[in-house]
C-alpha atoms as a PDB file:
ATOM      1  CA  MET A   1      79.394-109.079-105.225  1.00  0.00           C
ATOM      2  CA  LYS A   2      78.125-105.776-103.724  1.00  0.00           C
ATOM      3  CA  LYS A   3      76.517-103.286-106.102  1.00  0.00           C
ATOM      4  CA  THR A   4      77.371 -99.605-105.722  1.00  0.00           C
ATOM      5  CA  GLY A   5      74.880 -96.761-106.487  1.00  0.00           C
ATOM      6  CA  ILE A   6      75.868 -94.422-109.319  1.00  0.00           C
ATOM      7  CA  ASP A   7      74.294 -91.536-111.266  1.00  0.00           C
ATOM      8  CA  ARG A   8      70.813 -92.764-112.262  1.00  0.00           C
ATOM      9  CA  ASN A   9      71.171 -90.926-115.592  1.00  0.00           C
ATOM     10  CA  VAL A  10      73.754 -93.389-116.808  1.00  0.00           C
ATOM     11  CA  PHE A  11      72.813 -95.430-119.896  1.00  0.00           C
ATOM     12  CA  ILE A  12      74.175 -98.267-122.039  1.00  0.00           C
ATOM     13  CA  PRO A  13      75.705 -97.060-125.293  1.00  0.00           C
ATOM     14  CA  MET A  14      73.180 -95.410-127.585  1.00  0.00           C
ATOM     15  CA  PRO A  15      73.460 -95.042-131.370  1.00  0.00           C
ATOM     16  CA  VAL A  16      74.705 -91.687-132.528  1.00  0.00           C
ATOM     17  CA  THR A  17      72.342 -90.288-135.172  1.00  0.00           C
ATOM     18  CA  LEU A  18      71.470 -87.148-136.977  1.00  0.00           C
ATOM     19  CA  VAL A  19      67.722 -86.547-137.048  1.00  0.00           C
ATOM     20  CA  GLY A  20      66.616 -84.516-140.012  1.00  0.00           C
ATOM     21  CA  ALA A  21      63.448 -82.536-140.570  1.00  0.00           C
ATOM     22  CA  LEU A  22      62.240 -79.572-142.688  1.00  0.00           C
ATOM     23  CA  VAL A  23      61.619 -76.666-140.367  1.00  0.00           C
ATOM     24  CA  ASP A  24      59.748 -73.842-142.066  1.00  0.00           C
ATOM     25  CA  GLY A  25      60.869 -75.278-145.395  1.00  0.00           C
ATOM     26  CA  LYS A  26      64.555 -75.484-144.533  1.00  0.00           C
ATOM     27  CA  PRO A  27      66.484 -78.747-143.951  1.00  0.00           C
ATOM     28  CA  ASN A  28      67.758 -79.010-140.374  1.00  0.00           C
ATOM     29  CA  PHE A  29      69.741 -81.710-138.555  1.00  0.00           C
ATOM     30  CA  MET A  30      70.393 -82.363-134.894  1.00  0.00           C
ATOM     31  CA  ALA A  31      72.520 -84.951-133.116  1.00  0.00           C
ATOM     32  CA  VAL A  32      70.305 -87.397-131.230  1.00  0.00           C
ATOM     33  CA  GLY A  33      71.301 -90.435-129.083  1.00  0.00           C
ATOM     34  CA  TRP A  34      67.889 -91.356-127.623  1.00  0.00           C
ATOM     35  CA  VAL A  35      66.799 -93.574-130.536  1.00  0.00           C
ATOM     36  CA  SER A  36      65.372 -97.122-130.614  1.00  0.00           C
ATOM     37  CA  ARG A  37      63.342 -99.507-132.708  1.00  0.00           C
ATOM     38  CA  VAL A  38      59.981 -99.958-131.022  1.00  0.00           C
ATOM     39  CA  ASN A  39      57.902-102.157-133.350  1.00  0.00           C
ATOM     40  CA  ALA A  40      58.715-104.930-135.764  1.00  0.00           C
ATOM     41  CA  ALA A  41      55.844-104.979-138.371  1.00  0.00           C
ATOM     42  CA  PRO A  42      55.439-102.335-139.458  1.00  0.00           C
ATOM     43  CA  PRO A  43      58.938-101.160-138.434  1.00  0.00           C
ATOM     44  CA  TYR A  44      58.675 -98.217-136.034  1.00  0.00           C
ATOM     45  CA  ILE A  45      61.496 -96.095-134.541  1.00  0.00           C
ATOM     46  CA  ALA A  46      61.261 -93.776-131.527  1.00  0.00           C
ATOM     47  CA  VAL A  47      63.324 -90.622-131.115  1.00  0.00           C
ATOM     48  CA  GLY A  48      63.340 -88.703-127.837  1.00  0.00           C
ATOM     49  CA  ILE A  49      64.063 -84.963-128.319  1.00  0.00           C
ATOM     50  CA  TYR A  50      63.947 -82.121-125.786  1.00  0.00           C
ATOM     51  CA  ARG A  51      60.871 -80.086-126.647  1.00  0.00           C
ATOM     52  CA  GLY A  52      62.655 -76.806-126.633  1.00  0.00           C
ATOM     53  CA  HIS A  53      64.854 -77.716-129.591  1.00  0.00           C
ATOM     54  CA  HIS A  54      64.180 -76.420-133.097  1.00  0.00           C
ATOM     55  CA  THR A  55      63.745 -79.779-134.810  1.00  0.00           C
ATOM     56  CA  PRO A  56      60.441 -80.964-133.157  1.00  0.00           C
ATOM     57  CA  ALA A  57      58.504 -78.166-134.800  1.00  0.00           C
ATOM     58  CA  GLY A  58      59.554 -79.403-138.268  1.00  0.00           C
ATOM     59  CA  ILE A  59      58.775 -83.053-137.404  1.00  0.00           C
ATOM     60  CA  GLU A  60      55.266 -82.006-136.376  1.00  0.00           C
ATOM     61  CA  GLN A  61      54.746 -79.570-139.324  1.00  0.00           C
ATOM     62  CA  ASN A  62      55.547 -82.207-141.952  1.00  0.00           C
ATOM     63  CA  ARG A  63      54.714 -85.364-140.006  1.00  0.00           C
ATOM     64  CA  ALA A  64      58.036 -86.771-141.262  1.00  0.00           C
ATOM     65  CA  PHE A  65      61.637 -87.080-140.244  1.00  0.00           C
ATOM     66  CA  SER A  66      64.856 -88.920-141.039  1.00  0.00           C
ATOM     67  CA  VAL A  67      67.281 -90.827-138.832  1.00  0.00           C
ATOM     68  CA  ASN A  68      70.809 -90.803-140.290  1.00  0.00           C
ATOM     69  CA  PHE A  69      73.629 -92.872-138.918  1.00  0.00           C
ATOM     70  CA  PRO A  70      76.990 -91.172-139.448  1.00  0.00           C
ATOM     71  CA  GLY A  71      80.354 -92.995-139.519  1.00  0.00           C
ATOM     72  CA  THR A  72      83.341 -91.726-137.496  1.00  0.00           C
ATOM     73  CA  ASP A  73      84.429 -89.694-140.501  1.00  0.00           C
ATOM     74  CA  LEU A  74      81.580 -87.330-139.624  1.00  0.00           C
ATOM     75  CA  LEU A  75      82.268 -87.118-135.898  1.00  0.00           C
ATOM     76  CA  VAL A  76      83.110 -83.354-135.952  1.00  0.00           C
ATOM     77  CA  GLU A  77      80.132 -82.405-138.156  1.00  0.00           C
ATOM     78  CA  THR A  78      77.774 -84.515-136.020  1.00  0.00           C
ATOM     79  CA  ASP A  79      78.977 -83.108-132.822  1.00  0.00           C
ATOM     80  CA  TYR A  80      78.570 -79.579-134.297  1.00  0.00           C
ATOM     81  CA  CYS A  81      74.926 -80.370-135.197  1.00  0.00           C
ATOM     82  CA  GLY A  82      74.420 -81.156-131.562  1.00  0.00           C
ATOM     83  CA  MET A  83      76.054 -78.065-130.227  1.00  0.00           C
ATOM     84  CA  VAL A  84      74.320 -75.349-132.352  1.00  0.00           C
ATOM     85  CA  SER A  85      70.568 -74.656-132.827  1.00  0.00           C
ATOM     86  CA  GLY A  86      68.886 -74.566-136.193  1.00  0.00           C
ATOM     87  CA  ARG A  87      67.159 -71.386-134.947  1.00  0.00           C
ATOM     88  CA  LYS A  88      70.431 -69.443-135.277  1.00  0.00           C
ATOM     89  CA  THR A  89      72.579 -71.606-137.525  1.00  0.00           C
ATOM     90  CA  ASP A  90      71.822 -72.836-141.018  1.00  0.00           C
ATOM     91  CA  LYS A  91      72.921 -76.527-140.973  1.00  0.00           C
ATOM     92  CA  SER A  92      71.382 -77.301-144.366  1.00  0.00           C
ATOM     93  CA  LYS A  93      74.720 -76.768-146.187  1.00  0.00           C
ATOM     94  CA  ILE A  94      76.884 -79.012-143.943  1.00  0.00           C
ATOM     95  CA  PHE A  95      75.978 -82.182-145.892  1.00  0.00           C
ATOM     96  CA  GLN A  96      74.855 -83.294-149.345  1.00  0.00           C
ATOM     97  CA  LEU A  97      71.178 -83.937-149.088  1.00  0.00           C
ATOM     98  CA  PHE A  98      68.672 -86.299-150.731  1.00  0.00           C
ATOM     99  CA  TYR A  99      64.940 -87.037-150.316  1.00  0.00           C
ATOM    100  CA  GLY A 100      63.036 -90.312-150.619  1.00  0.00           C
ATOM    101  CA  GLU A 101      59.431 -90.988-151.253  1.00  0.00           C
ATOM    102  CA  LEU A 102      58.000 -88.737-148.564  1.00  0.00           C
ATOM    103  CA  LYS A 103      59.783 -85.686-150.028  1.00  0.00           C
ATOM    104  CA  THR A 104      59.762 -83.944-146.660  1.00  0.00           C
ATOM    105  CA  ALA A 105      62.422 -85.863-144.676  1.00  0.00           C
ATOM    106  CA  PRO A 106      65.900 -84.615-145.610  1.00  0.00           C
ATOM    107  CA  MET A 107      68.607 -87.346-145.532  1.00  0.00           C
ATOM    108  CA  ILE A 108      72.410 -87.127-145.645  1.00  0.00           C
ATOM    109  CA  VAL A 109      74.297 -88.581-148.581  1.00  0.00           C
ATOM    110  CA  GLU A 110      77.509 -89.059-146.505  1.00  0.00           C
ATOM    111  CA  CYS A 111      75.842 -91.118-143.855  1.00  0.00           C
ATOM    112  CA  PRO A 112      76.222 -94.867-144.388  1.00  0.00           C
ATOM    113  CA  LEU A 113      72.628 -95.529-143.267  1.00  0.00           C
ATOM    114  CA  CYS A 114      69.541 -93.339-143.617  1.00  0.00           C
ATOM    115  CA  MET A 115      66.013 -94.056-142.540  1.00  0.00           C
ATOM    116  CA  GLU A 116      63.010 -92.125-143.858  1.00  0.00           C
ATOM    117  CA  CYS A 117      60.143 -91.968-141.309  1.00  0.00           C
ATOM    118  CA  ARG A 118      56.479 -91.071-141.327  1.00  0.00           C
ATOM    119  CA  LEU A 119      55.313 -89.648-138.011  1.00  0.00           C
ATOM    120  CA  VAL A 120      52.921 -92.094-136.354  1.00  0.00           C
ATOM    121  CA  ASP A 121      52.570 -90.577-132.872  1.00  0.00           C
ATOM    122  CA  VAL A 122      54.037 -87.945-130.468  1.00  0.00           C
ATOM    123  CA  ARG A 123      54.156 -88.640-126.732  1.00  0.00           C
ATOM    124  CA  GLU A 124      54.669 -85.803-124.255  1.00  0.00           C
ATOM    125  CA  LEU A 125      57.213 -86.697-121.583  1.00  0.00           C
ATOM    126  CA  PRO A 126      58.235 -84.397-118.724  1.00  0.00           C
ATOM    127  CA  THR A 127      61.022 -82.673-120.682  1.00  0.00           C
ATOM    128  CA  ASN A 128      61.080 -84.348-124.054  1.00  0.00           C
ATOM    129  CA  LYS A 129      58.794 -85.356-126.894  1.00  0.00           C
ATOM    130  CA  LEU A 130      58.965 -88.944-128.044  1.00  0.00           C
ATOM    131  CA  PHE A 131      58.399 -89.038-131.748  1.00  0.00           C
ATOM    132  CA  ILE A 132      57.380 -92.452-133.092  1.00  0.00           C
ATOM    133  CA  GLY A 133      57.737 -92.937-136.788  1.00  0.00           C
ATOM    134  CA  GLU A 134      57.177 -95.722-139.265  1.00  0.00           C
ATOM    135  CA  ILE A 135      60.372 -96.452-141.231  1.00  0.00           C
ATOM    136  CA  VAL A 136      59.045 -95.986-144.766  1.00  0.00           C
ATOM    137  CA  ALA A 137      62.396 -96.671-146.428  1.00  0.00           C
ATOM    138  CA  SER A 138      66.071 -97.245-145.527  1.00  0.00           C
ATOM    139  CA  TYR A 139      68.985 -96.327-147.654  1.00  0.00           C
ATOM    140  CA  THR A 140      72.673 -97.415-147.810  1.00  0.00           C
ATOM    141  CA  GLU A 141      75.386 -98.105-150.355  1.00  0.00           C
ATOM    142  CA  GLU A 142      76.680-101.452-151.648  1.00  0.00           C
ATOM    143  CA  LYS A 143      80.008-100.961-149.928  1.00  0.00           C
ATOM    144  CA  TYR A 144      78.253-101.077-146.483  1.00  0.00           C
ATOM    145  CA  LEU A 145      76.674-104.479-147.032  1.00  0.00           C
ATOM    146  CA  THR A 146      77.908-107.926-146.472  1.00  0.00           C
ATOM    147  CA  ASN A 147      75.829-110.739-147.979  1.00  0.00           C
ATOM    148  CA  GLY A 148      73.122-108.204-148.738  1.00  0.00           C
ATOM    149  CA  GLN A 149      72.843-107.136-144.973  1.00  0.00           C
ATOM    150  CA  PRO A 150      74.005-103.965-143.380  1.00  0.00           C
ATOM    151  CA  ASP A 151      77.534-104.286-142.012  1.00  0.00           C
ATOM    152  CA  TYR A 152      77.918-101.944-139.029  1.00  0.00           C
ATOM    153  CA  LYS A 153      81.652-102.404-138.814  1.00  0.00           C
ATOM    154  CA  LYS A 154      81.961-101.288-142.405  1.00  0.00           C
ATOM    155  CA  MET A 155      79.816 -98.335-141.661  1.00  0.00           C
ATOM    156  CA  ASN A 156      82.067 -97.435-138.724  1.00  0.00           C
ATOM    157  CA  ALA A 157      79.014 -96.419-136.728  1.00  0.00           C
ATOM    158  CA  MET A 158      79.304 -94.684-133.429  1.00  0.00           C
ATOM    159  CA  VAL A 159      77.685 -94.975-130.054  1.00  0.00           C
ATOM    160  CA  LEU A 160      77.328 -92.409-127.245  1.00  0.00           C
ATOM    161  CA  THR A 161      77.755 -93.067-123.522  1.00  0.00           C
ATOM    162  CA  MET A 162      76.352 -90.986-120.761  1.00  0.00           C
ATOM    163  CA  PRO A 163      76.991 -89.246-118.273  1.00  0.00           C
ATOM    164  CA  ASP A 164      80.576 -89.209-119.513  1.00  0.00           C
ATOM    165  CA  ASN A 165      79.434 -87.883-122.980  1.00  0.00           C
ATOM    166  CA  LYS A 166      81.901 -89.943-125.093  1.00  0.00           C
ATOM    167  CA  TYR A 167      81.664 -91.221-128.588  1.00  0.00           C
ATOM    168  CA  TRP A 168      82.801 -94.809-129.274  1.00  0.00           C
ATOM    169  CA  THR A 169      82.986 -97.215-132.176  1.00  0.00           C
ATOM    170  CA  ILE A 170      81.266-100.587-132.209  1.00  0.00           C
ATOM    171  CA  GLY A 171      83.705-103.221-130.915  1.00  0.00           C
ATOM    172  CA  PRO A 172      84.434-106.738-131.973  1.00  0.00           C
ATOM    173  CA  PHE A 173      81.798-109.415-132.685  1.00  0.00           C
ATOM    174  CA  ALA A 174      80.567-111.013-129.425  1.00  0.00           C
ATOM    175  CA  GLY A 175      78.086-113.771-130.499  1.00  0.00           C
ATOM    176  CA  ASP A 176      74.945-114.639-132.505  1.00  0.00           C
ATOM    177  CA  ALA A 177      71.623-113.377-131.119  1.00  0.00           C
ATOM    178  CA  TRP A 178      68.850-115.968-130.572  1.00  0.00           C
ATOM    179  CA  SER A 179      71.532-118.634-130.856  1.00  0.00           C
ATOM    180  CA  ALA A 180      74.234-118.233-128.289  1.00  0.00           C
ATOM    181  CA  GLY A 181      71.850-119.266-125.414  1.00  0.00           C
ATOM    182  CA  LYS A 182      70.464-122.431-127.132  1.00  0.00           C
ATOM    183  CA  ASN A 183      72.478-124.805-124.935  1.00  0.00           C
ATOM    184  CA  MET A 184      70.688-123.415-121.839  1.00  0.00           C
ATOM    185  CA  LYS A 185      67.280-124.323-123.126  1.00  0.00           C
ATOM    186  CA  LYS A 186      67.762-128.053-122.275  1.00  0.00           C
END
């Protein structure tokens, strides 16, 4: 089969998140799709944010941030947080907020999953800053768990595709990781 060249900025679906930080003492949230776990023990997460945005200053000021995973019921609010800047718009009243042990990483009550992160490192990239944080604590509700584990279908989590800029829900179960390929190991 012949492969065809396409836009090099295409990417597999990315989680839709709201990154939270206190900026000059005020809670601020921005929609971020460039998010990934990057270390197992201790658990680290990396968030890529354009350096010109308002939120990076707060992450660096407090050395803390949150990563909140909204369900589809928050699609409009999430998209709005990605369209307006915290420099001009107060986004602190859009959601109910709570704080964990760091006290400087605002999190969203309405989000099914929230991660509180301590800043470990900042890497300068050509246009973005890559913030690497240790996940200090994660929060959810009992209704989003199955057998004590997060159930992403129950959370109704979203993913983002680029360059078409579309939100999607997570599809049907496809198979068990680190198990589906066992028969090929013979």
